[in-house]
Amino acid sequence: MDTQNLIDMANRIGDFFDSMPDREEALGGIADHIHRFWEPRMRRALLASLDEPAAGGVEMSAIVRDALVKHREQLTPAAPAAV
């Protein structure tokens, strides 16, 4: 999974919601969009990037980072069922 591409996509979502006057609503909108439209592998990779030091490339915007931190539990996919 290309984490830099995921961060870029998340930043574009953040750009849309950043224009909202209510920041809490914007953070919830970002989290809701990612939860509803991103598959679990994408969400796991994006959330994992929060814990990794930035290694150049695309930097996550502040509003996206805030949304992911605030809604991390909601965004974390359930563990796959054991077979």
N, C-alpha and C. Protein backbone atom coordinates (compact mmCIF):
# COMPACT_ATOMS: atom_id res chain seq x y z
N MET A 1 0.86 -1.17 0.00
CA MET A 1 0.00 0.00 0.00
C MET A 1 0.90 1.23 0.00
N ASP A 2 0.68 2.14 -0.90
CA ASP A 2 1.48 3.36 -1.03
C ASP A 2 0.97 4.41 -0.03
N THR A 3 1.66 4.51 1.10
CA THR A 3 1.22 5.41 2.16
C THR A 3 1.21 6.85 1.70
N GLN A 4 2.20 7.24 0.90
CA GLN A 4 2.24 8.62 0.41
C GLN A 4 0.99 8.97 -0.41
N ASN A 5 0.53 8.02 -1.21
CA ASN A 5 -0.68 8.25 -2.00
C ASN A 5 -1.90 8.35 -1.08
N LEU A 6 -1.96 7.53 -0.05
CA LEU A 6 -3.07 7.59 0.90
C LEU A 6 -3.11 8.93 1.62
N ILE A 7 -1.94 9.41 2.02
CA ILE A 7 -1.87 10.71 2.69
C ILE A 7 -2.32 11.81 1.74
N ASP A 8 -1.90 11.73 0.49
CA ASP A 8 -2.31 12.72 -0.50
C ASP A 8 -3.83 12.71 -0.69
N MET A 9 -4.41 11.52 -0.78
CA MET A 9 -5.88 11.42 -0.93
C MET A 9 -6.58 11.98 0.31
N ALA A 10 -6.08 11.63 1.49
CA ALA A 10 -6.68 12.13 2.73
C ALA A 10 -6.57 13.66 2.80
N ASN A 11 -5.45 14.21 2.36
CA ASN A 11 -5.29 15.66 2.35
C ASN A 11 -6.30 16.34 1.44
N ARG A 12 -6.61 15.70 0.32
CA ARG A 12 -7.62 16.27 -0.59
C ARG A 12 -9.00 16.26 0.07
N ILE A 13 -9.29 15.21 0.80
CA ILE A 13 -10.55 15.16 1.55
C ILE A 13 -10.54 16.27 2.60
N GLY A 14 -9.41 16.41 3.29
CA GLY A 14 -9.27 17.46 4.30
C GLY A 14 -9.44 18.85 3.72
N ASP A 15 -8.92 19.07 2.51
CA ASP A 15 -9.07 20.38 1.86
C ASP A 15 -10.54 20.74 1.67
N PHE A 16 -11.34 19.75 1.30
CA PHE A 16 -12.77 19.99 1.10
C PHE A 16 -13.42 20.39 2.43
N PHE A 17 -13.18 19.61 3.48
CA PHE A 17 -13.84 19.86 4.76
C PHE A 17 -13.26 21.04 5.51
N ASP A 18 -12.04 21.46 5.17
CA ASP A 18 -11.39 22.57 5.87
C ASP A 18 -12.14 23.88 5.69
N SER A 19 -12.95 23.98 4.65
CA SER A 19 -13.70 25.22 4.41
C SER A 19 -14.93 25.35 5.30
N MET A 20 -15.26 24.30 6.02
CA MET A 20 -16.45 24.35 6.89
C MET A 20 -16.18 25.26 8.08
N PRO A 21 -17.15 26.07 8.47
CA PRO A 21 -16.93 26.98 9.60
C PRO A 21 -16.84 26.25 10.95
N ASP A 22 -17.48 25.11 11.09
CA ASP A 22 -17.48 24.36 12.34
C ASP A 22 -16.38 23.29 12.27
N ARG A 23 -15.28 23.49 12.99
CA ARG A 23 -14.13 22.58 12.90
C ARG A 23 -14.49 21.17 13.37
N GLU A 24 -15.29 21.05 14.42
CA GLU A 24 -15.67 19.72 14.91
C GLU A 24 -16.47 18.96 13.85
N GLU A 25 -17.34 19.68 13.16
CA GLU A 25 -18.11 19.05 12.09
C GLU A 25 -17.18 18.64 10.95
N ALA A 26 -16.19 19.46 10.66
CA ALA A 26 -15.22 19.14 9.61
C ALA A 26 -14.42 17.89 9.97
N LEU A 27 -13.96 17.80 11.22
CA LEU A 27 -13.19 16.62 11.65
C LEU A 27 -14.05 15.36 11.56
N GLY A 28 -15.30 15.47 11.97
CA GLY A 28 -16.21 14.33 11.87
C GLY A 28 -16.49 13.96 10.42
N GLY A 29 -16.59 14.95 9.54
CA GLY A 29 -16.83 14.70 8.13
C GLY A 29 -15.67 13.97 7.47
N ILE A 30 -14.46 14.36 7.82
CA ILE A 30 -13.27 13.69 7.28
C ILE A 30 -13.27 12.23 7.73
N ALA A 31 -13.45 12.02 9.03
CA ALA A 31 -13.44 10.66 9.57
C ALA A 31 -14.55 9.81 8.97
N ASP A 32 -15.73 10.39 8.84
CA ASP A 32 -16.86 9.65 8.29
C ASP A 32 -16.60 9.25 6.84
N HIS A 33 -16.05 10.17 6.06
CA HIS A 33 -15.76 9.87 4.65
C HIS A 33 -14.75 8.72 4.55
N ILE A 34 -13.68 8.81 5.33
CA ILE A 34 -12.65 7.77 5.28
C ILE A 34 -13.23 6.44 5.75
N HIS A 35 -14.04 6.47 6.79
CA HIS A 35 -14.64 5.23 7.31
C HIS A 35 -15.58 4.59 6.29
N ARG A 36 -16.38 5.39 5.63
CA ARG A 36 -17.39 4.86 4.71
C ARG A 36 -16.82 4.41 3.37
N PHE A 37 -15.80 5.10 2.88
CA PHE A 37 -15.38 4.86 1.50
C PHE A 37 -14.00 4.22 1.34
N TRP A 38 -13.25 4.08 2.40
CA TRP A 38 -11.93 3.47 2.31
C TRP A 38 -12.00 2.05 2.85
N GLU A 39 -11.35 1.14 2.15
CA GLU A 39 -11.34 -0.25 2.62
C GLU A 39 -10.45 -0.37 3.86
N PRO A 40 -10.64 -1.41 4.65
CA PRO A 40 -9.88 -1.55 5.91
C PRO A 40 -8.36 -1.48 5.75
N ARG A 41 -7.80 -2.09 4.70
CA ARG A 41 -6.34 -2.03 4.51
C ARG A 41 -5.86 -0.59 4.34
N MET A 42 -6.63 0.22 3.63
CA MET A 42 -6.25 1.61 3.43
C MET A 42 -6.30 2.37 4.75
N ARG A 43 -7.34 2.14 5.54
CA ARG A 43 -7.47 2.81 6.84
C ARG A 43 -6.34 2.39 7.77
N ARG A 44 -6.02 1.09 7.81
CA ARG A 44 -4.93 0.62 8.66
C ARG A 44 -3.61 1.30 8.29
N ALA A 45 -3.30 1.37 7.00
CA ALA A 45 -2.05 1.98 6.54
C ALA A 45 -2.01 3.46 6.87
N LEU A 46 -3.11 4.16 6.69
CA LEU A 46 -3.15 5.59 7.00
C LEU A 46 -2.97 5.83 8.49
N LEU A 47 -3.66 5.05 9.32
CA LEU A 47 -3.53 5.19 10.77
C LEU A 47 -2.12 4.84 11.23
N ALA A 48 -1.51 3.84 10.61
CA ALA A 48 -0.14 3.47 10.97
C ALA A 48 0.83 4.61 10.68
N SER A 49 0.54 5.39 9.66
CA SER A 49 1.43 6.50 9.31
C SER A 49 1.45 7.58 10.39
N LEU A 50 0.43 7.62 11.24
CA LEU A 50 0.41 8.57 12.35
C LEU A 50 1.54 8.28 13.34
N ASP A 51 1.89 7.02 13.48
CA ASP A 51 2.87 6.60 14.48
C ASP A 51 4.30 6.56 13.94
N GLU A 52 4.45 6.80 12.65
CA GLU A 52 5.77 6.75 12.02
C GLU A 52 6.30 8.17 11.84
N PRO A 53 7.60 8.35 12.04
CA PRO A 53 8.17 9.67 11.78
C PRO A 53 8.09 9.99 10.29
N ALA A 54 7.83 11.25 9.98
CA ALA A 54 7.75 11.66 8.58
C ALA A 54 9.09 11.42 7.90
N ALA A 55 9.05 10.75 6.77
CA ALA A 55 10.27 10.41 6.04
C ALA A 55 10.29 11.11 4.69
N GLY A 56 9.93 12.36 4.67
CA GLY A 56 9.88 13.09 3.40
C GLY A 56 8.61 12.76 2.65
N GLY A 57 8.49 13.25 1.46
CA GLY A 57 7.29 12.98 0.68
C GLY A 57 6.15 13.89 1.09
N VAL A 58 4.94 13.39 0.93
CA VAL A 58 3.73 14.16 1.21
C VAL A 58 3.51 14.22 2.72
N GLU A 59 3.33 15.42 3.24
CA GLU A 59 3.08 15.59 4.66
C GLU A 59 1.57 15.66 4.90
N MET A 60 1.12 15.00 5.96
CA MET A 60 -0.30 15.00 6.29
C MET A 60 -0.70 16.39 6.81
N SER A 61 -1.82 16.90 6.32
CA SER A 61 -2.29 18.21 6.76
C SER A 61 -2.75 18.13 8.21
N ALA A 62 -2.74 19.28 8.87
CA ALA A 62 -3.11 19.34 10.28
C ALA A 62 -4.54 18.88 10.52
N ILE A 63 -5.47 19.29 9.65
CA ILE A 63 -6.87 18.93 9.86
C ILE A 63 -7.08 17.43 9.71
N VAL A 64 -6.37 16.80 8.78
CA VAL A 64 -6.49 15.35 8.60
C VAL A 64 -5.90 14.65 9.82
N ARG A 65 -4.73 15.08 10.26
CA ARG A 65 -4.10 14.49 11.45
C ARG A 65 -5.04 14.60 12.65
N ASP A 66 -5.62 15.79 12.85
CA ASP A 66 -6.54 15.98 13.98
C ASP A 66 -7.74 15.05 13.88
N ALA A 67 -8.29 14.90 12.68
CA ALA A 67 -9.45 14.03 12.48
C ALA A 67 -9.10 12.58 12.78
N LEU A 68 -7.93 12.13 12.31
CA LEU A 68 -7.53 10.75 12.53
C LEU A 68 -7.27 10.48 14.01
N VAL A 69 -6.62 11.41 14.68
CA VAL A 69 -6.35 11.23 16.11
C VAL A 69 -7.65 11.21 16.90
N LYS A 70 -8.52 12.15 16.63
CA LYS A 70 -9.78 12.26 17.37
C LYS A 70 -10.69 11.06 17.14
N HIS A 71 -10.70 10.52 15.92
CA HIS A 71 -11.63 9.45 15.56
C HIS A 71 -10.92 8.12 15.29
N ARG A 72 -9.75 7.97 15.85
CA ARG A 72 -8.93 6.77 15.58
C ARG A 72 -9.68 5.48 15.90
N GLU A 73 -10.35 5.45 17.03
CA GLU A 73 -11.06 4.22 17.42
C GLU A 73 -12.14 3.87 16.39
N GLN A 74 -12.90 4.85 15.96
CA GLN A 74 -13.95 4.64 14.96
C GLN A 74 -13.36 4.16 13.63
N LEU A 75 -12.19 4.67 13.27
CA LEU A 75 -11.58 4.38 11.98
C LEU A 75 -10.81 3.06 11.96
N THR A 76 -10.46 2.56 13.13
CA THR A 76 -9.68 1.32 13.18
C THR A 76 -10.56 0.13 12.82
N PRO A 77 -10.19 -0.59 11.76
CA PRO A 77 -11.00 -1.74 11.35
C PRO A 77 -10.92 -2.86 12.38
N ALA A 78 -11.96 -3.64 12.45
CA ALA A 78 -11.95 -4.80 13.33
C ALA A 78 -10.91 -5.78 12.83
N ALA A 79 -10.33 -6.52 13.75
CA ALA A 79 -9.34 -7.53 13.37
C ALA A 79 -10.02 -8.59 12.50
N PRO A 80 -9.31 -9.08 11.49
CA PRO A 80 -9.90 -10.12 10.63
C PRO A 80 -10.20 -11.37 11.45
N ALA A 81 -11.27 -12.03 11.11
CA ALA A 81 -11.67 -13.26 11.81
C ALA A 81 -10.66 -14.36 11.54
N ALA A 82 -10.35 -15.13 12.58
CA ALA A 82 -9.42 -16.25 12.41
C ALA A 82 -10.08 -17.36 11.63
N VAL A 83 -9.30 -18.01 10.80
CA VAL A 83 -9.84 -19.08 9.97
C VAL A 83 -9.47 -20.41 10.52
